[in-house]
Every structure is written in structure tokens, then in C-alpha cells.
PDB file of N, CA and C in Angstrom:
ATOM      1  N   MET A   1     -28.060  -6.500   7.379  1.00  0.00           N
ATOM      2  CA  MET A   1     -26.804  -6.063   6.812  1.00  0.00           C
ATOM      3  C   MET A   1     -25.801  -7.034   8.034  1.00  0.00           C
ATOM      4  N   PRO A   2     -24.830  -7.546   7.477  1.00  0.00           N
ATOM      5  CA  PRO A   2     -24.185  -8.153   8.572  1.00  0.00           C
ATOM      6  C   PRO A   2     -23.529  -7.049   9.979  1.00  0.00           C
ATOM      7  N   ALA A   3     -22.775  -7.618  10.847  1.00  0.00           N
ATOM      8  CA  ALA A   3     -22.781  -6.484  12.161  1.00  0.00           C
ATOM      9  C   ALA A   3     -20.763  -6.248  11.047  1.00  0.00           C
ATOM     10  N   GLY A   4     -20.993  -5.181  11.550  1.00  0.00           N
ATOM     11  CA  GLY A   4     -19.472  -4.417  11.407  1.00  0.00           C
ATOM     12  C   GLY A   4     -19.772  -4.004   9.753  1.00  0.00           C
ATOM     13  N   GLN A   5     -20.478  -3.788   9.085  1.00  0.00           N
ATOM     14  CA  GLN A   5     -20.558  -3.522   7.914  1.00  0.00           C
ATOM     15  C   GLN A   5     -21.588  -2.585   7.833  1.00  0.00           C
ATOM     16  N   THR A   6     -21.135  -1.409   6.908  1.00  0.00           N
ATOM     17  CA  THR A   6     -22.061  -0.079   6.604  1.00  0.00           C
ATOM     18  C   THR A   6     -22.007   0.149   5.235  1.00  0.00           C
ATOM     19  N   GLN A   7     -23.182   0.317   4.321  1.00  0.00           N
ATOM     20  CA  GLN A   7     -23.262   0.530   3.387  1.00  0.00           C
ATOM     21  C   GLN A   7     -23.461   1.784   2.999  1.00  0.00           C
ATOM     22  N   VAL A   8     -22.549   2.029   1.716  1.00  0.00           N
ATOM     23  CA  VAL A   8     -22.757   3.577   1.457  1.00  0.00           C
ATOM     24  C   VAL A   8     -22.981   3.657  -0.173  1.00  0.00           C
ATOM     25  N   SER A   9     -23.376   4.684  -0.702  1.00  0.00           N
ATOM     26  CA  SER A   9     -23.745   5.129  -1.894  1.00  0.00           C
ATOM     27  C   SER A   9     -22.999   5.765  -2.545  1.00  0.00           C
ATOM     28  N   ALA A  10     -22.846   5.858  -3.824  1.00  0.00           N
ATOM     29  CA  ALA A  10     -21.897   6.906  -4.913  1.00  0.00           C
ATOM     30  C   ALA A  10     -22.814   6.768  -6.036  1.00  0.00           C
ATOM     31  N   PHE A  11     -22.664   7.886  -6.765  1.00  0.00           N
ATOM     32  CA  PHE A  11     -23.048   7.830  -8.211  1.00  0.00           C
ATOM     33  C   PHE A  11     -21.714   7.716  -8.881  1.00  0.00           C
ATOM     34  N   ILE A  12     -21.534   6.857  -9.934  1.00  0.00           N
ATOM     35  CA  ILE A  12     -20.651   6.235 -10.770  1.00  0.00           C
ATOM     36  C   ILE A  12     -21.313   6.581 -12.471  1.00  0.00           C
ATOM     37  N   SER A  13     -20.113   6.816 -12.927  1.00  0.00           N
ATOM     38  CA  SER A  13     -20.552   7.172 -14.314  1.00  0.00           C
ATOM     39  C   SER A  13     -20.844   5.291 -15.265  1.00  0.00           C
ATOM     40  N   ASP A  14     -21.808   5.524 -16.083  1.00  0.00           N
ATOM     41  CA  ASP A  14     -22.124   4.410 -16.546  1.00  0.00           C
ATOM     42  C   ASP A  14     -21.079   3.552 -17.289  1.00  0.00           C
ATOM     43  N   SER A  15     -19.958   3.837 -17.694  1.00  0.00           N
ATOM     44  CA  SER A  15     -18.858   3.303 -18.064  1.00  0.00           C
ATOM     45  C   SER A  15     -18.409   2.551 -16.911  1.00  0.00           C
ATOM     46  N   THR A  16     -17.791   3.114 -15.997  1.00  0.00           N
ATOM     47  CA  THR A  16     -17.471   2.597 -14.466  1.00  0.00           C
ATOM     48  C   THR A  16     -18.364   0.944 -14.352  1.00  0.00           C
ATOM     49  N   LYS A  17     -19.576   1.431 -14.281  1.00  0.00           N
ATOM     50  CA  LYS A  17     -20.449   0.712 -14.097  1.00  0.00           C
ATOM     51  C   LYS A  17     -20.432  -0.540 -14.655  1.00  0.00           C
ATOM     52  N   ASP A  18     -20.198  -0.430 -15.920  1.00  0.00           N
ATOM     53  CA  ASP A  18     -20.129  -1.435 -16.850  1.00  0.00           C
ATOM     54  C   ASP A  18     -18.788  -2.160 -17.094  1.00  0.00           C
ATOM     55  N   ALA A  19     -17.878  -1.363 -16.657  1.00  0.00           N
ATOM     56  CA  ALA A  19     -16.342  -2.065 -16.793  1.00  0.00           C
ATOM     57  C   ALA A  19     -16.451  -2.856 -15.442  1.00  0.00           C
ATOM     58  N   LEU A  20     -17.002  -2.631 -14.122  1.00  0.00           N
ATOM     59  CA  LEU A  20     -16.966  -3.135 -12.973  1.00  0.00           C
ATOM     60  C   LEU A  20     -18.096  -4.658 -13.018  1.00  0.00           C
ATOM     61  N   GLU A  21     -18.993  -4.306 -13.751  1.00  0.00           N
ATOM     62  CA  GLU A  21     -19.779  -5.591 -13.815  1.00  0.00           C
ATOM     63  C   GLU A  21     -19.162  -6.400 -14.748  1.00  0.00           C
ATOM     64  N   ARG A  22     -18.303  -6.053 -15.881  1.00  0.00           N
ATOM     65  CA  ARG A  22     -17.844  -6.758 -16.423  1.00  0.00           C
ATOM     66  C   ARG A  22     -16.535  -8.034 -15.479  1.00  0.00           C
ATOM     67  N   TYR A  23     -15.805  -6.777 -15.422  1.00  0.00           N
ATOM     68  CA  TYR A  23     -14.855  -7.405 -14.834  1.00  0.00           C
ATOM     69  C   TYR A  23     -14.919  -8.521 -13.570  1.00  0.00           C
ATOM     70  N   ALA A  24     -15.991  -8.669 -12.946  1.00  0.00           N
ATOM     71  CA  ALA A  24     -16.845  -9.281 -11.671  1.00  0.00           C
ATOM     72  C   ALA A  24     -16.975 -10.478 -12.346  1.00  0.00           C
ATOM     73  N   GLU A  25     -17.895 -10.453 -13.501  1.00  0.00           N
ATOM     74  CA  GLU A  25     -18.699 -11.436 -14.001  1.00  0.00           C
ATOM     75  C   GLU A  25     -17.360 -12.260 -14.498  1.00  0.00           C
ATOM     76  N   ALA A  26     -16.522 -11.571 -15.151  1.00  0.00           N
ATOM     77  CA  ALA A  26     -15.221 -12.636 -15.934  1.00  0.00           C
ATOM     78  C   ALA A  26     -14.497 -13.069 -15.208  1.00  0.00           C
ATOM     79  N   HIS A  27     -14.383 -12.670 -13.717  1.00  0.00           N
ATOM     80  CA  HIS A  27     -13.337 -13.119 -12.252  1.00  0.00           C
ATOM     81  C   HIS A  27     -14.702 -14.138 -11.486  1.00  0.00           C
ATOM     82  N   GLY A  28     -15.616 -13.897 -11.537  1.00  0.00           N
ATOM     83  CA  GLY A  28     -16.319 -14.597 -10.356  1.00  0.00           C
ATOM     84  C   GLY A  28     -16.322 -14.252  -9.498  1.00  0.00           C
ATOM     85  N   LEU A  29     -16.596 -12.665  -9.354  1.00  0.00           N
ATOM     86  CA  LEU A  29     -16.448 -11.972  -7.928  1.00  0.00           C
ATOM     87  C   LEU A  29     -17.690 -10.889  -7.554  1.00  0.00           C
ATOM     88  N   LYS A  30     -17.955 -10.651  -6.287  1.00  0.00           N
ATOM     89  CA  LYS A  30     -19.054  -9.880  -6.112  1.00  0.00           C
ATOM     90  C   LYS A  30     -18.405  -8.193  -6.188  1.00  0.00           C
ATOM     91  N   LYS A  31     -19.378  -7.744  -6.748  1.00  0.00           N
ATOM     92  CA  LYS A  31     -19.128  -6.171  -6.772  1.00  0.00           C
ATOM     93  C   LYS A  31     -19.104  -5.715  -5.795  1.00  0.00           C
ATOM     94  N   ALA A  32     -19.498  -5.846  -4.867  1.00  0.00           N
ATOM     95  CA  ALA A  32     -19.048  -5.205  -3.398  1.00  0.00           C
ATOM     96  C   ALA A  32     -17.707  -5.372  -2.846  1.00  0.00           C
ATOM     97  N   TYR A  33     -17.278  -6.557  -3.011  1.00  0.00           N
ATOM     98  CA  TYR A  33     -15.715  -7.070  -2.612  1.00  0.00           C
ATOM     99  C   TYR A  33     -14.957  -6.263  -3.824  1.00  0.00           C
ATOM    100  N   LEU A  34     -14.899  -6.306  -5.148  1.00  0.00           N
ATOM    101  CA  LEU A  34     -14.156  -5.501  -5.580  1.00  0.00           C
ATOM    102  C   LEU A  34     -14.233  -4.230  -5.197  1.00  0.00           C
ATOM    103  N   ILE A  35     -14.929  -3.364  -5.026  1.00  0.00           N
ATOM    104  CA  ILE A  35     -15.273  -2.081  -4.734  1.00  0.00           C
ATOM    105  C   ILE A  35     -14.625  -1.764  -3.378  1.00  0.00           C
ATOM    106  N   GLU A  36     -14.940  -2.855  -2.304  1.00  0.00           N
ATOM    107  CA  GLU A  36     -13.978  -2.480  -1.070  1.00  0.00           C
ATOM    108  C   GLU A  36     -12.702  -2.495  -1.546  1.00  0.00           C
ATOM    109  N   GLU A  37     -12.386  -3.930  -1.948  1.00  0.00           N
ATOM    110  CA  GLU A  37     -10.899  -3.869  -2.486  1.00  0.00           C
ATOM    111  C   GLU A  37     -10.174  -2.381  -3.010  1.00  0.00           C
ATOM    112  N   ALA A  38     -10.781  -2.054  -4.012  1.00  0.00           N
ATOM    113  CA  ALA A  38     -10.222  -1.042  -4.532  1.00  0.00           C
ATOM    114  C   ALA A  38     -10.065  -0.188  -3.961  1.00  0.00           C
ATOM    115  N   LEU A  39     -11.204   0.319  -2.998  1.00  0.00           N
ATOM    116  CA  LEU A  39     -11.095   1.189  -2.235  1.00  0.00           C
ATOM    117  C   LEU A  39     -10.352   1.232  -0.857  1.00  0.00           C
ATOM    118  N   LEU A  40      -9.670   0.386  -0.667  1.00  0.00           N
ATOM    119  CA  LEU A  40      -8.438   0.090   0.136  1.00  0.00           C
ATOM    120  C   LEU A  40      -7.335   0.217   0.219  1.00  0.00           C
ATOM    121  N   HIS A  41      -7.251  -0.630  -1.306  1.00  0.00           N
ATOM    122  CA  HIS A  41      -6.076  -0.068  -2.003  1.00  0.00           C
ATOM    123  C   HIS A  41      -5.513   1.257  -2.533  1.00  0.00           C
ATOM    124  N   HIS A  42      -6.347   2.036  -2.958  1.00  0.00           N
ATOM    125  CA  HIS A  42      -6.351   3.730  -3.035  1.00  0.00           C
ATOM    126  C   HIS A  42      -6.185   3.971  -1.564  1.00  0.00           C
ATOM    127  N   LEU A  43      -7.041   4.373  -0.445  1.00  0.00           N
ATOM    128  CA  LEU A  43      -6.156   4.448   0.520  1.00  0.00           C
ATOM    129  C   LEU A  43      -5.203   4.336   1.065  1.00  0.00           C
ATOM    130  N   GLN A  44      -4.734   3.162   1.004  1.00  0.00           N
ATOM    131  CA  GLN A  44      -3.632   2.395   1.189  1.00  0.00           C
ATOM    132  C   GLN A  44      -2.300   2.963   0.695  1.00  0.00           C
ATOM    133  N   ALA A  45      -2.822   3.439  -0.718  1.00  0.00           N
ATOM    134  CA  ALA A  45      -1.964   3.975  -1.843  1.00  0.00           C
ATOM    135  C   ALA A  45      -1.527   5.349  -1.242  1.00  0.00           C
ATOM    136  N   LEU A  46      -2.759   6.358  -0.911  1.00  0.00           N
ATOM    137  CA  LEU A  46      -2.979   7.611  -0.597  1.00  0.00           C
ATOM    138  C   LEU A  46      -2.174   7.571   1.047  1.00  0.00           C
ATOM    139  N   ARG A  47      -1.845   6.784   1.798  1.00  0.00           N
ATOM    140  CA  ARG A  47      -1.401   6.799   3.069  1.00  0.00           C
ATOM    141  C   ARG A  47       0.429   6.511   2.755  1.00  0.00           C
ATOM    142  N   GLU A  48       0.317   5.677   1.872  1.00  0.00           N
ATOM    143  CA  GLU A  48       1.975   5.099   2.344  1.00  0.00           C
ATOM    144  C   GLU A  48       2.635   5.791   1.063  1.00  0.00           C
ATOM    145  N   LEU A  49       2.330   6.435  -0.480  1.00  0.00           N
ATOM    146  CA  LEU A  49       2.925   7.051  -1.384  1.00  0.00           C
ATOM    147  C   LEU A  49       3.067   8.450  -1.201  1.00  0.00           C
ATOM    148  N   PRO A  50       4.206   9.198  -1.851  1.00  0.00           N
ATOM    149  CA  PRO A  50       4.407  10.841  -2.215  1.00  0.00           C
ATOM    150  C   PRO A  50       3.137  11.065  -3.290  1.00  0.00           C
ATOM    151  N   LEU A  51       2.611  12.066  -2.686  1.00  0.00           N
ATOM    152  CA  LEU A  51       1.596  12.673  -3.561  1.00  0.00           C
ATOM    153  C   LEU A  51       2.140  12.688  -4.837  1.00  0.00           C
ATOM    154  N   ASP A  52       3.435  13.156  -4.762  1.00  0.00           N
ATOM    155  CA  ASP A  52       3.394  13.365  -6.678  1.00  0.00           C
ATOM    156  C   ASP A  52       3.607  12.121  -7.398  1.00  0.00           C
ATOM    157  N   VAL A  53       3.538  11.010  -6.984  1.00  0.00           N
ATOM    158  CA  VAL A  53       3.690  10.102  -7.488  1.00  0.00           C
ATOM    159  C   VAL A  53       2.471   9.170  -7.942  1.00  0.00           C
ATOM    160  N   ILE A  54       0.720   9.223  -7.344  1.00  0.00           N
ATOM    161  CA  ILE A  54       0.169   9.017  -7.824  1.00  0.00           C
ATOM    162  C   ILE A  54      -0.649   9.895  -8.912  1.00  0.00           C
ATOM    163  N   ILE A  55      -0.611   8.988  -9.488  1.00  0.00           N
ATOM    164  CA  ILE A  55      -1.239   9.186 -11.005  1.00  0.00           C
ATOM    165  C   ILE A  55      -2.605   9.434 -10.881  1.00  0.00           C
ATOM    166  N   PRO A  56      -3.372  10.628 -11.230  1.00  0.00           N
ATOM    167  CA  PRO A  56      -5.143  10.232 -10.892  1.00  0.00           C
ATOM    168  C   PRO A  56      -5.637   9.810 -12.240  1.00  0.00           C
ATOM    169  N   ALA A  57      -6.488   8.883 -12.112  1.00  0.00           N
ATOM    170  CA  ALA A  57      -7.392   8.102 -12.809  1.00  0.00           C
ATOM    171  C   ALA A  57      -7.824   8.917 -13.954  1.00  0.00           C
ATOM    172  N   ARG A  58      -8.257  10.140 -13.578  1.00  0.00           N
ATOM    173  CA  ARG A  58      -8.668  10.988 -15.097  1.00  0.00           C
ATOM    174  C   ARG A  58      -7.550  12.191 -15.079  1.00  0.00           C
ATOM    175  N   LEU A  59      -7.251  12.334 -16.152  1.00  0.00           N
ATOM    176  CA  LEU A  59      -6.800  14.042 -16.232  1.00  0.00           C
ATOM    177  C   LEU A  59      -7.625  15.015 -16.795  1.00  0.00           C
ATOM    178  N   VAL A  60      -7.438  16.107 -16.339  1.00  0.00           N
ATOM    179  CA  VAL A  60      -8.300  17.365 -16.902  1.00  0.00           C
ATOM    180  C   VAL A  60      -6.716  18.211 -17.398  1.00  0.00           C
ATOM    181  N   VAL A  61      -7.442  18.430 -18.986  1.00  0.00           N
ATOM    182  CA  VAL A  61      -6.145  19.727 -19.495  1.00  0.00           C
ATOM    183  C   VAL A  61      -7.204  20.574 -20.150  1.00  0.00           C
ATOM    184  N   SER A  62      -6.718  21.496 -20.496  1.00  0.00           N
ATOM    185  CA  SER A  62      -7.089  22.898 -20.930  1.00  0.00           C
ATOM    186  C   SER A  62      -6.972  22.861 -22.593  1.00  0.00           C
ATOM    187  N   GLN A  63      -7.721  23.372 -23.170  1.00  0.00           N
ATOM    188  CA  GLN A  63      -8.398  23.256 -24.526  1.00  0.00           C
ATOM    189  C   GLN A  63      -6.564  23.853 -25.447  1.00  0.00           C
ATOM    190  N   GLU A  64      -6.223  24.635 -24.564  1.00  0.00           N
ATOM    191  CA  GLU A  64      -4.875  24.738 -25.075  1.00  0.00           C
ATOM    192  C   GLU A  64      -3.870  23.526 -25.094  1.00  0.00           C
ATOM    193  N   SER A  65      -3.910  22.983 -23.740  1.00  0.00           N
ATOM    194  CA  SER A  65      -2.980  21.749 -24.051  1.00  0.00           C
ATOM    195  C   SER A  65      -3.502  20.291 -24.179  1.00  0.00           C
ATOM    196  N   GLY A  66      -4.420  20.370 -24.633  1.00  0.00           N
ATOM    197  CA  GLY A  66      -5.224  19.505 -25.441  1.00  0.00           C
ATOM    198  C   GLY A  66      -4.808  19.413 -26.906  1.00  0.00           C
ATOM    199  N   LEU A  67      -4.887  20.528 -27.384  1.00  0.00           N
ATOM    200  CA  LEU A  67      -4.372  20.887 -28.486  1.00  0.00           C
ATOM    201  C   LEU A  67      -2.558  20.723 -29.291  1.00  0.00           C
ATOM    202  N   GLU A  68      -1.916  20.833 -27.973  1.00  0.00           N
ATOM    203  CA  GLU A  68      -0.785  20.826 -27.999  1.00  0.00           C
ATOM    204  C   GLU A  68      -0.657  19.268 -27.793  1.00  0.00           C
ATOM    205  N   ILE A  69      -1.172  18.463 -27.159  1.00  0.00           N
ATOM    206  CA  ILE A  69      -1.041  16.564 -26.905  1.00  0.00           C
ATOM    207  C   ILE A  69      -1.375  16.453 -28.171  1.00  0.00           C
ATOM    208  N   LEU A  70      -2.304  16.902 -28.980  1.00  0.00           N
ATOM    209  CA  LEU A  70      -2.953  16.434 -30.118  1.00  0.00           C
ATOM    210  C   LEU A  70      -1.722  16.386 -31.196  1.00  0.00           C
ATOM    211  N   GLY A  71      -1.206  18.223 -31.296  1.00  0.00           N
ATOM    212  CA  GLY A  71      -0.285  17.928 -32.200  1.00  0.00           C
ATOM    213  C   GLY A  71       0.852  17.244 -31.942  1.00  0.00           C
ATOM    214  N   ARG A  72       1.351  16.595 -30.811  1.00  0.00           N
ATOM    215  CA  ARG A  72       2.550  15.994 -30.640  1.00  0.00           C
ATOM    216  C   ARG A  72       2.140  14.191 -30.761  1.00  0.00           C
ATOM    217  N   VAL A  73       0.820  14.084 -30.948  1.00  0.00           N
ATOM    218  CA  VAL A  73       0.459  12.524 -31.269  1.00  0.00           C
ATOM    219  C   VAL A  73       0.589  12.798 -32.805  1.00  0.00           C
ATOM    220  N   THR A  74      -0.134  13.368 -33.001  1.00  0.00           N
ATOM    221  CA  THR A  74      -0.157  13.257 -34.797  1.00  0.00           C
ATOM    222  C   THR A  74       1.201  13.757 -35.607  1.00  0.00           C
ATOM    223  N   LYS A  75       2.269  14.802 -35.067  1.00  0.00           N
ATOM    224  CA  LYS A  75       3.526  14.630 -35.231  1.00  0.00           C
ATOM    225  C   LYS A  75       4.354  14.514 -34.549  1.00  0.00           C
ATOM    226  N   PRO A  76       4.688  13.528 -34.128  1.00  0.00           N
ATOM    227  CA  PRO A  76       5.916  13.385 -32.753  1.00  0.00           C
ATOM    228  C   PRO A  76       7.059  13.782 -33.433  1.00  0.00           C
ATOM    229  N   ARG A  77       7.565  14.439 -32.199  1.00  0.00           N
ATOM    230  CA  ARG A  77       9.104  14.623 -32.554  1.00  0.00           C
ATOM    231  C   ARG A  77      10.275  13.703 -32.845  1.00  0.00           C
ATOM    232  N   ARG A  78      10.995  13.649 -33.455  1.00  0.00           N
ATOM    233  CA  ARG A  78      12.407  12.766 -33.762  1.00  0.00           C
ATOM    234  C   ARG A  78      12.998  12.227 -32.222  1.00  0.00           C
ATOM    235  N   PRO A  79      13.116  10.963 -32.231  1.00  0.00           N
ATOM    236  CA  PRO A  79      14.021  10.703 -30.552  1.00  0.00           C
ATOM    237  C   PRO A  79      15.350  11.502 -30.669  1.00  0.00           C
ATOM    238  N   THR A  80      15.800  12.351 -29.560  1.00  0.00           N
ATOM    239  CA  THR A  80      16.895  12.497 -29.236  1.00  0.00           C
ATOM    240  C   THR A  80      17.896  11.722 -29.185  1.00  0.00           C
ATOM    241  N   LYS A  81      19.292  11.894 -29.439  1.00  0.00           N
ATOM    242  CA  LYS A  81      20.420  11.076 -29.217  1.00  0.00           C
ATOM    243  C   LYS A  81      19.861   9.859 -27.551  1.00  0.00           C
ATOM    244  N   ALA A  82      19.755  10.596 -26.629  1.00  0.00           N
ATOM    245  CA  ALA A  82      19.645  10.477 -25.393  1.00  0.00           C
ATOM    246  C   ALA A  82      18.603   9.101 -25.204  1.00  0.00           C
ATOM    247  N   MET A  83      17.528   9.601 -25.967  1.00  0.00           N
ATOM    248  CA  MET A  83      16.614   8.549 -26.247  1.00  0.00           C
ATOM    249  C   MET A  83      16.740   7.726 -26.845  1.00  0.00           C
ATOM    250  N   ARG A  84      17.235   7.562 -27.984  1.00  0.00           N
ATOM    251  CA  ARG A  84      17.648   6.270 -28.474  1.00  0.00           C
ATOM    252  C   ARG A  84      18.485   5.646 -28.139  1.00  0.00           C
ATOM    253  N   ALA A  85      19.465   6.142 -27.273  1.00  0.00           N
ATOM    254  CA  ALA A  85      20.292   5.163 -26.374  1.00  0.00           C
ATOM    255  C   ALA A  85      19.722   4.512 -24.963  1.00  0.00           C
ATOM    256  N   LEU A  86      18.547   5.310 -24.777  1.00  0.00           N
ATOM    257  CA  LEU A  86      18.160   4.420 -23.537  1.00  0.00           C
ATOM    258  C   LEU A  86      17.171   3.492 -24.006  1.00  0.00           C
ATOM    259  N   PHE A  87      16.711   3.425 -25.293  1.00  0.00           N
ATOM    260  CA  PHE A  87      15.710   2.733 -25.888  1.00  0.00           C
ATOM    261  C   PHE A  87      16.395   1.226 -26.416  1.00  0.00           C
ATOM    262  N   GLY A  88      17.809   1.802 -26.930  1.00  0.00           N
ATOM    263  CA  GLY A  88      18.438   0.988 -27.395  1.00  0.00           C
ATOM    264  C   GLY A  88      18.280   0.678 -29.168  1.00  0.00           C
ATOM    265  N   LYS A  89      18.394   2.107 -29.491  1.00  0.00           N
ATOM    266  CA  LYS A  89      17.619   1.655 -31.031  1.00  0.00           C
ATOM    267  C   LYS A  89      18.929   3.086 -31.264  1.00  0.00           C
TER     268      LYS A  89
END
């Protein structure tokens, strides 16, 4: 191992591993490079941005709130006048 480097080990989901491998292959990058860049990017965001603007990669919802979301997706509400004005419709 080159000087100034440390190996880390972590368990990741199969879907994350597949996405990492597809991206690395498609862009001709090494997986280790992508992982380090992603980690550096995330740590920089955590240092520099207020925590309330960082959107988690995964959202966990209760069954109740999941059903509420499903209802809004399957039967969306009509846009308000303000929303129509905002989107120019």
C-alpha cells in the first residue's frame, strides 16, 4: 500500500455496488477513486452546509406517512393559484 494511504472496509448494498461498478466502467474510473471523491464531497458538504439543507440519500417513513404519500401520488391535489402563477400555467 502506498505511503499516506489507509485501507477501509465497509458493507454496502448490492444495488450500491452495482451502481458503483457501472459508473466506474462507463467513465473509465477506478472504484477506489470514486469512493474517495464521494466521501470527500460528502464530508465537505457536512462541514460547509447547514444540516437542514442536506438531503439524506435515503428517507425512512412510517407506514402511516407512506400511505399518505401514496395517496398524494395516486390522487394529486389540484394546483393552487399561487402554484400555477409560480409555474406560469
